[in-house]
Each structure stands twice: as C-alpha cells, then as structure tokens.
Amino acid sequence: MNNQMYNELTHPQRAYVNSIRTIGEQWGYDLTKTDWTRRELVAISMKRQGNDDVPNWIVKDQSRRVGRGVYAIPELPLESVSPGHGNDGDDLADSSPTDEPSTHMVEAIG
C-alpha cells in the first residue's frame, strides 16, 4: 500500500478505500491497479451503502480523472511492486522481452 498517500486520507476516505479492498477482493477485482471505472465504483457503492453514489473526492477531483469514467485511486493498492522487487510467485515480469526468439520457438520452427 502506498502508506504515505493512504495516511493523508480523511477517515471517511479511508473507509471507502477499505470498502473497495474488501468488496473488490470478494468479487475478484484486481486490487493492485490504481485506475478504476465508474461502473466498478458504482458497484462497490451499491454493495457498501445501497446506492450508486461514488464519493465526490474521487469523481469531482480533476486530478484523479484518468479518462472518461476512469478515476485514479493510488492510495488503494496494498503494496507497490517495481521490477526486481516482487514477491516469489507474483507472476510479475522482472525484465522486458528481448528481440531474440526463445529456444522453444527455435525448436518448434526448425
């Protein structure tokens, strides 16, 4: 989790972020992402509070707007992982692909 940004949220804001984590985990959402669609946030709000109200601190803050109906919530991920610093088994690539074909492809071709 980006602790610094999360710690700067107000108590109600933290409660909403925690709801996204809890409900999102139940529904199998990717909790490592920071960009969330209005549709996802409306679904979270419906489950959380029985209405489709997404908090204004998310949808009215222009700095959080990534695109049409997509909002950044960088405080949400439980941990941030950079290349070479992941956890065993997290399936995150630690290097970029190369132009060289893999040995499996060479064997299959020739």
PDB file of N, CA and C in Angstrom:
ATOM      1  N   MET A   1       0.855  -1.167   0.000  1.00  0.00           N
ATOM      2  CA  MET A   1       0.000   0.000   0.000  1.00  0.00           C
ATOM      3  C   MET A   1       0.892   1.216   0.000  1.00  0.00           C
ATOM      4  N   ASN A   2       0.470   2.246  -0.667  1.00  0.00           N
ATOM      5  CA  ASN A   2       1.191   3.494  -0.639  1.00  0.00           C
ATOM      6  C   ASN A   2       0.819   4.183   0.667  1.00  0.00           C
ATOM      7  N   ASN A   3       1.519   3.843   1.752  1.00  0.00           N
ATOM      8  CA  ASN A   3       1.161   4.296   3.095  1.00  0.00           C
ATOM      9  C   ASN A   3       1.074   5.798   3.222  1.00  0.00           C
ATOM     10  N   GLN A   4       2.004   6.525   2.629  1.00  0.00           N
ATOM     11  CA  GLN A   4       2.003   7.975   2.762  1.00  0.00           C
ATOM     12  C   GLN A   4       0.711   8.568   2.211  1.00  0.00           C
ATOM     13  N   MET A   5       0.326   8.189   1.014  1.00  0.00           N
ATOM     14  CA  MET A   5      -0.895   8.727   0.413  1.00  0.00           C
ATOM     15  C   MET A   5      -2.127   8.257   1.177  1.00  0.00           C
ATOM     16  N   TYR A   6      -2.155   6.986   1.572  1.00  0.00           N
ATOM     17  CA  TYR A   6      -3.282   6.453   2.329  1.00  0.00           C
ATOM     18  C   TYR A   6      -3.424   7.187   3.659  1.00  0.00           C
ATOM     19  N   ASN A   7      -2.312   7.442   4.327  1.00  0.00           N
ATOM     20  CA  ASN A   7      -2.347   8.117   5.628  1.00  0.00           C
ATOM     21  C   ASN A   7      -2.830   9.557   5.531  1.00  0.00           C
ATOM     22  N   GLU A   8      -2.724  10.151   4.356  1.00  0.00           N
ATOM     23  CA  GLU A   8      -3.187  11.530   4.172  1.00  0.00           C
ATOM     24  C   GLU A   8      -4.696  11.617   3.934  1.00  0.00           C
ATOM     25  N   LEU A   9      -5.358  10.495   3.711  1.00  0.00           N
ATOM     26  CA  LEU A   9      -6.811  10.493   3.519  1.00  0.00           C
ATOM     27  C   LEU A   9      -7.527  10.755   4.836  1.00  0.00           C
ATOM     28  N   THR A  10      -8.728  11.323   4.727  1.00  0.00           N
ATOM     29  CA  THR A  10      -9.561  11.502   5.915  1.00  0.00           C
ATOM     30  C   THR A  10     -10.135  10.142   6.320  1.00  0.00           C
ATOM     31  N   HIS A  11     -10.696  10.079   7.498  1.00  0.00           N
ATOM     32  CA  HIS A  11     -11.275   8.813   7.965  1.00  0.00           C
ATOM     33  C   HIS A  11     -12.358   8.288   7.007  1.00  0.00           C
ATOM     34  N   PRO A  12     -13.325   9.128   6.558  1.00  0.00           N
ATOM     35  CA  PRO A  12     -14.324   8.625   5.600  1.00  0.00           C
ATOM     36  C   PRO A  12     -13.703   8.161   4.275  1.00  0.00           C
ATOM     37  N   GLN A  13     -12.659   8.835   3.818  1.00  0.00           N
ATOM     38  CA  GLN A  13     -11.995   8.425   2.589  1.00  0.00           C
ATOM     39  C   GLN A  13     -11.312   7.070   2.770  1.00  0.00           C
ATOM     40  N   ARG A  14     -10.658   6.889   3.901  1.00  0.00           N
ATOM     41  CA  ARG A  14     -10.037   5.595   4.199  1.00  0.00           C
ATOM     42  C   ARG A  14     -11.086   4.495   4.256  1.00  0.00           C
ATOM     43  N   ALA A  15     -12.238   4.806   4.846  1.00  0.00           N
ATOM     44  CA  ALA A  15     -13.310   3.812   4.947  1.00  0.00           C
ATOM     45  C   ALA A  15     -13.766   3.374   3.556  1.00  0.00           C
ATOM     46  N   TYR A  16     -13.862   4.317   2.614  1.00  0.00           N
ATOM     47  CA  TYR A  16     -14.274   3.951   1.254  1.00  0.00           C
ATOM     48  C   TYR A  16     -13.200   3.112   0.572  1.00  0.00           C
ATOM     49  N   VAL A  17     -11.948   3.495   0.719  1.00  0.00           N
ATOM     50  CA  VAL A  17     -10.845   2.722   0.134  1.00  0.00           C
ATOM     51  C   VAL A  17     -10.838   1.313   0.717  1.00  0.00           C
ATOM     52  N   ASN A  18     -11.047   1.197   2.017  1.00  0.00           N
ATOM     53  CA  ASN A  18     -11.093  -0.123   2.654  1.00  0.00           C
ATOM     54  C   ASN A  18     -12.271  -0.943   2.133  1.00  0.00           C
ATOM     55  N   SER A  19     -13.392  -0.278   1.844  1.00  0.00           N
ATOM     56  CA  SER A  19     -14.545  -0.973   1.268  1.00  0.00           C
ATOM     57  C   SER A  19     -14.218  -1.507  -0.128  1.00  0.00           C
ATOM     58  N   ILE A  20     -13.500  -0.716  -0.909  1.00  0.00           N
ATOM     59  CA  ILE A  20     -13.093  -1.184  -2.241  1.00  0.00           C
ATOM     60  C   ILE A  20     -12.241  -2.433  -2.091  1.00  0.00           C
ATOM     61  N   ARG A  21     -11.327  -2.409  -1.135  1.00  0.00           N
ATOM     62  CA  ARG A  21     -10.459  -3.579  -0.915  1.00  0.00           C
ATOM     63  C   ARG A  21     -11.268  -4.807  -0.509  1.00  0.00           C
ATOM     64  N   THR A  22     -12.146  -4.631   0.455  1.00  0.00           N
ATOM     65  CA  THR A  22     -12.921  -5.754   0.978  1.00  0.00           C
ATOM     66  C   THR A  22     -13.878  -6.318  -0.074  1.00  0.00           C
ATOM     67  N   ILE A  23     -14.687  -5.454  -0.647  1.00  0.00           N
ATOM     68  CA  ILE A  23     -15.682  -5.894  -1.631  1.00  0.00           C
ATOM     69  C   ILE A  23     -14.980  -6.348  -2.910  1.00  0.00           C
ATOM     70  N   GLY A  24     -13.964  -5.597  -3.316  1.00  0.00           N
ATOM     71  CA  GLY A  24     -13.213  -5.955  -4.516  1.00  0.00           C
ATOM     72  C   GLY A  24     -12.563  -7.316  -4.400  1.00  0.00           C
ATOM     73  N   GLU A  25     -12.058  -7.634  -3.229  1.00  0.00           N
ATOM     74  CA  GLU A  25     -11.457  -8.958  -3.020  1.00  0.00           C
ATOM     75  C   GLU A  25     -12.512 -10.052  -3.143  1.00  0.00           C
ATOM     76  N   GLN A  26     -13.689  -9.821  -2.579  1.00  0.00           N
ATOM     77  CA  GLN A  26     -14.780 -10.798  -2.672  1.00  0.00           C
ATOM     78  C   GLN A  26     -15.185 -11.031  -4.119  1.00  0.00           C
ATOM     79  N   TRP A  27     -15.150  -9.995  -4.927  1.00  0.00           N
ATOM     80  CA  TRP A  27     -15.586 -10.081  -6.316  1.00  0.00           C
ATOM     81  C   TRP A  27     -14.460 -10.409  -7.281  1.00  0.00           C
ATOM     82  N   GLY A  28     -13.244 -10.545  -6.775  1.00  0.00           N
ATOM     83  CA  GLY A  28     -12.120 -10.903  -7.626  1.00  0.00           C
ATOM     84  C   GLY A  28     -11.539  -9.759  -8.439  1.00  0.00           C
ATOM     85  N   TYR A  29     -11.766  -8.517  -8.012  1.00  0.00           N
ATOM     86  CA  TYR A  29     -11.175  -7.375  -8.703  1.00  0.00           C
ATOM     87  C   TYR A  29      -9.662  -7.375  -8.492  1.00  0.00           C
ATOM     88  N   ASP A  30      -8.951  -6.786  -9.423  1.00  0.00           N
ATOM     89  CA  ASP A  30      -7.501  -6.633  -9.324  1.00  0.00           C
ATOM     90  C   ASP A  30      -7.212  -5.480  -8.364  1.00  0.00           C
ATOM     91  N   LEU A  31      -6.770  -5.790  -7.172  1.00  0.00           N
ATOM     92  CA  LEU A  31      -6.533  -4.765  -6.163  1.00  0.00           C
ATOM     93  C   LEU A  31      -5.141  -4.146  -6.250  1.00  0.00           C
ATOM     94  N   THR A  32      -4.383  -4.513  -7.267  1.00  0.00           N
ATOM     95  CA  THR A  32      -3.074  -3.898  -7.456  1.00  0.00           C
ATOM     96  C   THR A  32      -3.158  -2.706  -8.410  1.00  0.00           C
ATOM     97  N   LYS A  33      -4.294  -2.536  -9.071  1.00  0.00           N
ATOM     98  CA  LYS A  33      -4.429  -1.436 -10.026  1.00  0.00           C
ATOM     99  C   LYS A  33      -4.807  -0.143  -9.303  1.00  0.00           C
ATOM    100  N   THR A  34      -4.528   0.967  -9.945  1.00  0.00           N
ATOM    101  CA  THR A  34      -4.875   2.260  -9.370  1.00  0.00           C
ATOM    102  C   THR A  34      -6.006   2.950 -10.128  1.00  0.00           C
ATOM    103  N   ASP A  35      -6.298   2.529 -11.344  1.00  0.00           N
ATOM    104  CA  ASP A  35      -7.350   3.147 -12.152  1.00  0.00           C
ATOM    105  C   ASP A  35      -8.620   2.313 -12.074  1.00  0.00           C
ATOM    106  N   TRP A  36      -9.708   2.967 -11.703  1.00  0.00           N
ATOM    107  CA  TRP A  36     -10.997   2.298 -11.501  1.00  0.00           C
ATOM    108  C   TRP A  36     -12.068   2.976 -12.330  1.00  0.00           C
ATOM    109  N   THR A  37     -12.932   2.165 -12.953  1.00  0.00           N
ATOM    110  CA  THR A  37     -14.007   2.719 -13.773  1.00  0.00           C
ATOM    111  C   THR A  37     -15.176   3.140 -12.886  1.00  0.00           C
ATOM    112  N   ARG A  38     -15.975   4.052 -13.414  1.00  0.00           N
ATOM    113  CA  ARG A  38     -17.173   4.482 -12.695  1.00  0.00           C
ATOM    114  C   ARG A  38     -18.070   3.267 -12.430  1.00  0.00           C
ATOM    115  N   ARG A  39     -18.166   2.368 -13.398  1.00  0.00           N
ATOM    116  CA  ARG A  39     -19.004   1.171 -13.248  1.00  0.00           C
ATOM    117  C   ARG A  39     -18.559   0.340 -12.045  1.00  0.00           C
ATOM    118  N   GLU A  40     -17.247   0.142 -11.901  1.00  0.00           N
ATOM    119  CA  GLU A  40     -16.729  -0.619 -10.759  1.00  0.00           C
ATOM    120  C   GLU A  40     -17.033   0.097  -9.441  1.00  0.00           C
ATOM    121  N   LEU A  41     -16.830   1.415  -9.427  1.00  0.00           N
ATOM    122  CA  LEU A  41     -17.053   2.182  -8.202  1.00  0.00           C
ATOM    123  C   LEU A  41     -18.541   2.249  -7.838  1.00  0.00           C
ATOM    124  N   VAL A  42     -19.408   2.331  -8.846  1.00  0.00           N
ATOM    125  CA  VAL A  42     -20.856   2.309  -8.587  1.00  0.00           C
ATOM    126  C   VAL A  42     -21.246   0.961  -7.980  1.00  0.00           C
ATOM    127  N   ALA A  43     -20.696  -0.124  -8.513  1.00  0.00           N
ATOM    128  CA  ALA A  43     -20.996  -1.462  -7.973  1.00  0.00           C
ATOM    129  C   ALA A  43     -20.534  -1.566  -6.518  1.00  0.00           C
ATOM    130  N   ILE A  44     -19.352  -1.043  -6.225  1.00  0.00           N
ATOM    131  CA  ILE A  44     -18.845  -1.045  -4.844  1.00  0.00           C
ATOM    132  C   ILE A  44     -19.787  -0.247  -3.953  1.00  0.00           C
ATOM    133  N   SER A  45     -20.186   0.922  -4.397  1.00  0.00           N
ATOM    134  CA  SER A  45     -21.083   1.776  -3.612  1.00  0.00           C
ATOM    135  C   SER A  45     -22.428   1.109  -3.371  1.00  0.00           C
ATOM    136  N   MET A  46     -22.967   0.442  -4.390  1.00  0.00           N
ATOM    137  CA  MET A  46     -24.252  -0.254  -4.227  1.00  0.00           C
ATOM    138  C   MET A  46     -24.148  -1.328  -3.142  1.00  0.00           C
ATOM    139  N   LYS A  47     -23.071  -2.086  -3.177  1.00  0.00           N
ATOM    140  CA  LYS A  47     -22.869  -3.138  -2.177  1.00  0.00           C
ATOM    141  C   LYS A  47     -22.627  -2.524  -0.798  1.00  0.00           C
ATOM    142  N   ARG A  48     -21.849  -1.473  -0.750  1.00  0.00           N
ATOM    143  CA  ARG A  48     -21.429  -0.857   0.511  1.00  0.00           C
ATOM    144  C   ARG A  48     -22.564  -0.115   1.202  1.00  0.00           C
ATOM    145  N   GLN A  49     -23.303   0.695   0.438  1.00  0.00           N
ATOM    146  CA  GLN A  49     -24.252   1.596   1.072  1.00  0.00           C
ATOM    147  C   GLN A  49     -25.651   1.558   0.469  1.00  0.00           C
ATOM    148  N   GLY A  50     -25.858   0.681  -0.521  1.00  0.00           N
ATOM    149  CA  GLY A  50     -27.195   0.532  -1.085  1.00  0.00           C
ATOM    150  C   GLY A  50     -27.596   1.619  -2.061  1.00  0.00           C
ATOM    151  N   ASN A  51     -26.659   2.452  -2.500  1.00  0.00           N
ATOM    152  CA  ASN A  51     -26.949   3.432  -3.539  1.00  0.00           C
ATOM    153  C   ASN A  51     -25.732   3.567  -4.450  1.00  0.00           C
ATOM    154  N   ASP A  52     -25.922   4.292  -5.549  1.00  0.00           N
ATOM    155  CA  ASP A  52     -24.851   4.366  -6.542  1.00  0.00           C
ATOM    156  C   ASP A  52     -23.955   5.597  -6.391  1.00  0.00           C
ATOM    157  N   ASP A  53     -23.970   6.212  -5.231  1.00  0.00           N
ATOM    158  CA  ASP A  53     -23.172   7.417  -5.006  1.00  0.00           C
ATOM    159  C   ASP A  53     -21.696   7.091  -4.816  1.00  0.00           C
ATOM    160  N   VAL A  54     -20.894   7.508  -5.790  1.00  0.00           N
ATOM    161  CA  VAL A  54     -19.437   7.404  -5.677  1.00  0.00           C
ATOM    162  C   VAL A  54     -18.982   8.704  -5.019  1.00  0.00           C
ATOM    163  N   PRO A  55     -18.117   8.641  -4.034  1.00  0.00           N
ATOM    164  CA  PRO A  55     -17.724   9.853  -3.307  1.00  0.00           C
ATOM    165  C   PRO A  55     -17.179  10.959  -4.218  1.00  0.00           C
ATOM    166  N   ASN A  56     -17.562  12.195  -3.887  1.00  0.00           N
ATOM    167  CA  ASN A  56     -17.118  13.350  -4.662  1.00  0.00           C
ATOM    168  C   ASN A  56     -15.606  13.514  -4.647  1.00  0.00           C
ATOM    169  N   TRP A  57     -14.955  13.098  -3.577  1.00  0.00           N
ATOM    170  CA  TRP A  57     -13.498  13.262  -3.514  1.00  0.00           C
ATOM    171  C   TRP A  57     -12.801  12.448  -4.605  1.00  0.00           C
ATOM    172  N   ILE A  58     -13.529  11.506  -5.174  1.00  0.00           N
ATOM    173  CA  ILE A  58     -12.982  10.738  -6.305  1.00  0.00           C
ATOM    174  C   ILE A  58     -13.443  11.338  -7.631  1.00  0.00           C
ATOM    175  N   VAL A  59     -14.750  11.454  -7.824  1.00  0.00           N
ATOM    176  CA  VAL A  59     -15.276  11.823  -9.143  1.00  0.00           C
ATOM    177  C   VAL A  59     -15.233  13.318  -9.447  1.00  0.00           C
ATOM    178  N   LYS A  60     -15.142  14.164  -8.444  1.00  0.00           N
ATOM    179  CA  LYS A  60     -15.112  15.616  -8.689  1.00  0.00           C
ATOM    180  C   LYS A  60     -13.695  16.188  -8.685  1.00  0.00           C
ATOM    181  N   ASP A  61     -12.722  15.391  -8.306  1.00  0.00           N
ATOM    182  CA  ASP A  61     -11.333  15.831  -8.278  1.00  0.00           C
ATOM    183  C   ASP A  61     -10.719  15.591  -9.657  1.00  0.00           C
ATOM    184  N   GLN A  62     -10.498  16.670 -10.412  1.00  0.00           N
ATOM    185  CA  GLN A  62      -9.988  16.549 -11.778  1.00  0.00           C
ATOM    186  C   GLN A  62      -8.617  15.890 -11.839  1.00  0.00           C
ATOM    187  N   SER A  63      -7.835  15.985 -10.772  1.00  0.00           N
ATOM    188  CA  SER A  63      -6.513  15.360 -10.788  1.00  0.00           C
ATOM    189  C   SER A  63      -6.614  13.835 -10.724  1.00  0.00           C
ATOM    190  N   ARG A  64      -7.767  13.316 -10.317  1.00  0.00           N
ATOM    191  CA  ARG A  64      -7.971  11.868 -10.265  1.00  0.00           C
ATOM    192  C   ARG A  64      -8.532  11.316 -11.575  1.00  0.00           C
ATOM    193  N   ARG A  65      -8.997  12.183 -12.441  1.00  0.00           N
ATOM    194  CA  ARG A  65      -9.605  11.736 -13.699  1.00  0.00           C
ATOM    195  C   ARG A  65      -8.524  11.269 -14.673  1.00  0.00           C
ATOM    196  N   VAL A  66      -8.605   9.994 -15.049  1.00  0.00           N
ATOM    197  CA  VAL A  66      -7.639   9.402 -15.970  1.00  0.00           C
ATOM    198  C   VAL A  66      -8.188   9.447 -17.388  1.00  0.00           C
ATOM    199  N   GLY A  67      -9.469   9.292 -17.516  1.00  0.00           N
ATOM    200  CA  GLY A  67     -10.143   9.301 -18.809  1.00  0.00           C
ATOM    201  C   GLY A  67     -11.636   9.383 -18.548  1.00  0.00           C
ATOM    202  N   ARG A  68     -12.407   9.231 -19.593  1.00  0.00           N
ATOM    203  CA  ARG A  68     -13.858   9.300 -19.427  1.00  0.00           C
ATOM    204  C   ARG A  68     -14.336   8.125 -18.573  1.00  0.00           C
ATOM    205  N   GLY A  69     -14.856   8.445 -17.387  1.00  0.00           N
ATOM    206  CA  GLY A  69     -15.377   7.423 -16.493  1.00  0.00           C
ATOM    207  C   GLY A  69     -14.306   6.563 -15.841  1.00  0.00           C
ATOM    208  N   VAL A  70     -13.062   7.026 -15.814  1.00  0.00           N
ATOM    209  CA  VAL A  70     -11.968   6.278 -15.184  1.00  0.00           C
ATOM    210  C   VAL A  70     -11.248   7.218 -14.215  1.00  0.00           C
ATOM    211  N   TYR A  71     -11.060   6.738 -12.983  1.00  0.00           N
ATOM    212  CA  TYR A  71     -10.504   7.561 -11.917  1.00  0.00           C
ATOM    213  C   TYR A  71      -9.329   6.875 -11.237  1.00  0.00           C
ATOM    214  N   ALA A  72      -8.319   7.675 -10.889  1.00  0.00           N
ATOM    215  CA  ALA A  72      -7.132   7.164 -10.201  1.00  0.00           C
ATOM    216  C   ALA A  72      -7.377   7.147  -8.696  1.00  0.00           C
ATOM    217  N   ILE A  73      -7.073   6.006  -8.094  1.00  0.00           N
ATOM    218  CA  ILE A  73      -7.102   5.878  -6.633  1.00  0.00           C
ATOM    219  C   ILE A  73      -5.767   5.237  -6.242  1.00  0.00           C
ATOM    220  N   PRO A  74      -4.688   6.040  -6.259  1.00  0.00           N
ATOM    221  CA  PRO A  74      -3.359   5.487  -5.989  1.00  0.00           C
ATOM    222  C   PRO A  74      -3.172   5.030  -4.551  1.00  0.00           C
ATOM    223  N   GLU A  75      -4.074   5.423  -3.678  1.00  0.00           N
ATOM    224  CA  GLU A  75      -3.992   5.014  -2.274  1.00  0.00           C
ATOM    225  C   GLU A  75      -4.449   3.574  -2.062  1.00  0.00           C
ATOM    226  N   LEU A  76      -5.067   2.982  -3.084  1.00  0.00           N
ATOM    227  CA  LEU A  76      -5.708   1.679  -2.916  1.00  0.00           C
ATOM    228  C   LEU A  76      -4.792   0.460  -2.887  1.00  0.00           C
ATOM    229  N   PRO A  77      -3.838   0.323  -3.796  1.00  0.00           N
ATOM    230  CA  PRO A  77      -3.050  -0.921  -3.801  1.00  0.00           C
ATOM    231  C   PRO A  77      -2.409  -1.205  -2.444  1.00  0.00           C
ATOM    232  N   LEU A  78      -2.463  -2.473  -2.050  1.00  0.00           N
ATOM    233  CA  LEU A  78      -1.921  -2.861  -0.761  1.00  0.00           C
ATOM    234  C   LEU A  78      -0.409  -2.810  -0.735  1.00  0.00           C
ATOM    235  N   GLU A  79       0.216  -2.980  -1.884  1.00  0.00           N
ATOM    236  CA  GLU A  79       1.669  -2.864  -1.974  1.00  0.00           C
ATOM    237  C   GLU A  79       2.017  -2.471  -3.380  1.00  0.00           C
ATOM    238  N   SER A  80       3.092  -1.738  -3.503  1.00  0.00           N
ATOM    239  CA  SER A  80       3.561  -1.417  -4.840  1.00  0.00           C
ATOM    240  C   SER A  80       4.812  -2.229  -5.102  1.00  0.00           C
ATOM    241  N   VAL A  81       4.869  -2.779  -6.302  1.00  0.00           N
ATOM    242  CA  VAL A  81       5.973  -3.643  -6.672  1.00  0.00           C
ATOM    243  C   VAL A  81       6.630  -3.065  -7.908  1.00  0.00           C
ATOM    244  N   SER A  82       7.929  -2.914  -7.864  1.00  0.00           N
ATOM    245  CA  SER A  82       8.661  -2.459  -9.037  1.00  0.00           C
ATOM    246  C   SER A  82       9.484  -3.624  -9.564  1.00  0.00           C
ATOM    247  N   PRO A  83       9.898  -3.567 -10.821  1.00  0.00           N
ATOM    248  CA  PRO A  83      10.668  -4.681 -11.381  1.00  0.00           C
ATOM    249  C   PRO A  83      11.859  -5.028 -10.508  1.00  0.00           C
ATOM    250  N   GLY A  84      12.005  -6.327 -10.279  1.00  0.00           N
ATOM    251  CA  GLY A  84      13.104  -6.808  -9.453  1.00  0.00           C
ATOM    252  C   GLY A  84      12.810  -6.805  -7.974  1.00  0.00           C
ATOM    253  N   HIS A  85      11.628  -6.309  -7.596  1.00  0.00           N
ATOM    254  CA  HIS A  85      11.292  -6.205  -6.184  1.00  0.00           C
ATOM    255  C   HIS A  85       9.972  -6.884  -5.855  1.00  0.00           C
ATOM    256  N   GLY A  86       9.542  -7.809  -6.675  1.00  0.00           N
ATOM    257  CA  GLY A  86       8.285  -8.508  -6.440  1.00  0.00           C
ATOM    258  C   GLY A  86       8.437  -9.613  -5.419  1.00  0.00           C
ATOM    259  N   ASN A  87       7.380 -10.336  -5.259  1.00  0.00           N
ATOM    260  CA  ASN A  87       7.372 -11.479  -4.363  1.00  0.00           C
ATOM    261  C   ASN A  87       7.421 -12.752  -5.182  1.00  0.00           C
ATOM    262  N   ASP A  88       8.001 -13.809  -4.639  1.00  0.00           N
ATOM    263  CA  ASP A  88       8.029 -15.076  -5.352  1.00  0.00           C
ATOM    264  C   ASP A  88       6.611 -15.502  -5.681  1.00  0.00           C
ATOM    265  N   GLY A  89       6.389 -15.864  -6.930  1.00  0.00           N
ATOM    266  CA  GLY A  89       5.080 -16.357  -7.345  1.00  0.00           C
ATOM    267  C   GLY A  89       4.084 -15.280  -7.694  1.00  0.00           C
ATOM    268  N   ASP A  90       4.495 -13.995  -7.723  1.00  0.00           N
ATOM    269  CA  ASP A  90       3.520 -12.958  -8.029  1.00  0.00           C
ATOM    270  C   ASP A  90       3.295 -12.775  -9.531  1.00  0.00           C
ATOM    271  N   ASP A  91       4.017 -13.529 -10.348  1.00  0.00           N
ATOM    272  CA  ASP A  91       3.851 -13.528 -11.798  1.00  0.00           C
ATOM    273  C   ASP A  91       4.148 -12.183 -12.454  1.00  0.00           C
ATOM    274  N   LEU A  92       4.874 -11.320 -11.783  1.00  0.00           N
ATOM    275  CA  LEU A  92       5.248 -10.053 -12.385  1.00  0.00           C
ATOM    276  C   LEU A  92       6.592 -10.211 -13.073  1.00  0.00           C
ATOM    277  N   ALA A  93       6.678  -9.753 -14.301  1.00  0.00           N
ATOM    278  CA  ALA A  93       7.931  -9.871 -15.042  1.00  0.00           C
ATOM    279  C   ALA A  93       8.969  -8.935 -14.449  1.00  0.00           C
ATOM    280  N   ASP A  94      10.187  -9.453 -14.288  1.00  0.00           N
ATOM    281  CA  ASP A  94      11.266  -8.645 -13.759  1.00  0.00           C
ATOM    282  C   ASP A  94      12.156  -8.092 -14.856  1.00  0.00           C
ATOM    283  N   SER A  95      11.862  -8.406 -16.101  1.00  0.00           N
ATOM    284  CA  SER A  95      12.657  -7.892 -17.211  1.00  0.00           C
ATOM    285  C   SER A  95      11.745  -7.678 -18.399  1.00  0.00           C
ATOM    286  N   SER A  96      12.245  -6.906 -19.340  1.00  0.00           N
ATOM    287  CA  SER A  96      11.455  -6.674 -20.544  1.00  0.00           C
ATOM    288  C   SER A  96      11.777  -7.741 -21.571  1.00  0.00           C
ATOM    289  N   PRO A  97      10.863  -7.998 -22.502  1.00  0.00           N
ATOM    290  CA  PRO A  97      11.121  -9.013 -23.517  1.00  0.00           C
ATOM    291  C   PRO A  97      12.270  -8.591 -24.426  1.00  0.00           C
ATOM    292  N   THR A  98      12.958  -9.565 -24.976  1.00  0.00           N
ATOM    293  CA  THR A  98      14.056  -9.284 -25.907  1.00  0.00           C
ATOM    294  C   THR A  98      13.621  -9.606 -27.316  1.00  0.00           C
ATOM    295  N   ASP A  99      14.443  -9.204 -28.270  1.00  0.00           N
ATOM    296  CA  ASP A  99      14.142  -9.495 -29.671  1.00  0.00           C
ATOM    297  C   ASP A  99      14.546 -10.903 -30.063  1.00  0.00           C
ATOM    298  N   GLU A 100      15.296 -11.583 -29.193  1.00  0.00           N
ATOM    299  CA  GLU A 100      15.758 -12.929 -29.511  1.00  0.00           C
ATOM    300  C   GLU A 100      14.642 -13.940 -29.281  1.00  0.00           C
ATOM    301  N   PRO A 101      14.427 -14.841 -30.230  1.00  0.00           N
ATOM    302  CA  PRO A 101      13.398 -15.873 -30.019  1.00  0.00           C
ATOM    303  C   PRO A 101      13.824 -16.828 -28.918  1.00  0.00           C
ATOM    304  N   SER A 102      12.867 -17.355 -28.222  1.00  0.00           N
ATOM    305  CA  SER A 102      13.194 -18.311 -27.168  1.00  0.00           C
ATOM    306  C   SER A 102      13.640 -19.630 -27.814  1.00  0.00           C
ATOM    307  N   THR A 103      14.335 -20.446 -27.034  1.00  0.00           N
ATOM    308  CA  THR A 103      14.807 -21.718 -27.570  1.00  0.00           C
ATOM    309  C   THR A 103      13.634 -22.617 -27.925  1.00  0.00           C
ATOM    310  N   HIS A 104      12.522 -22.460 -27.235  1.00  0.00           N
ATOM    311  CA  HIS A 104      11.349 -23.274 -27.541  1.00  0.00           C
ATOM    312  C   HIS A 104      10.796 -22.946 -28.918  1.00  0.00           C
ATOM    313  N   MET A 105      10.831 -21.652 -29.270  1.00  0.00           N
ATOM    314  CA  MET A 105      10.340 -21.260 -30.582  1.00  0.00           C
ATOM    315  C   MET A 105      11.267 -21.763 -31.674  1.00  0.00           C
ATOM    316  N   VAL A 106      12.577 -21.699 -31.445  1.00  0.00           N
ATOM    317  CA  VAL A 106      13.540 -22.176 -32.441  1.00  0.00           C
ATOM    318  C   VAL A 106      13.357 -23.656 -32.684  1.00  0.00           C
ATOM    319  N   GLU A 107      13.162 -24.425 -31.613  1.00  0.00           N
ATOM    320  CA  GLU A 107      12.955 -25.864 -31.744  1.00  0.00           C
ATOM    321  C   GLU A 107      11.671 -26.158 -32.487  1.00  0.00           C
ATOM    322  N   ALA A 108      10.617 -25.363 -32.225  1.00  0.00           N
ATOM    323  CA  ALA A 108       9.338 -25.617 -32.867  1.00  0.00           C
ATOM    324  C   ALA A 108       9.397 -25.259 -34.356  1.00  0.00           C
ATOM    325  N   ILE A 109      10.168 -24.236 -34.708  1.00  0.00           N
ATOM    326  CA  ILE A 109      10.237 -23.796 -36.091  1.00  0.00           C
ATOM    327  C   ILE A 109      11.133 -24.714 -36.910  1.00  0.00           C
ATOM    328  N   GLY A 110      12.269 -25.052 -36.368  1.00  0.00           N
ATOM    329  CA  GLY A 110      13.214 -25.760 -37.202  1.00  0.00           C
ATOM    330  C   GLY A 110      13.529 -27.077 -36.670  1.00  0.00           C
TER     331      GLY A 110
END
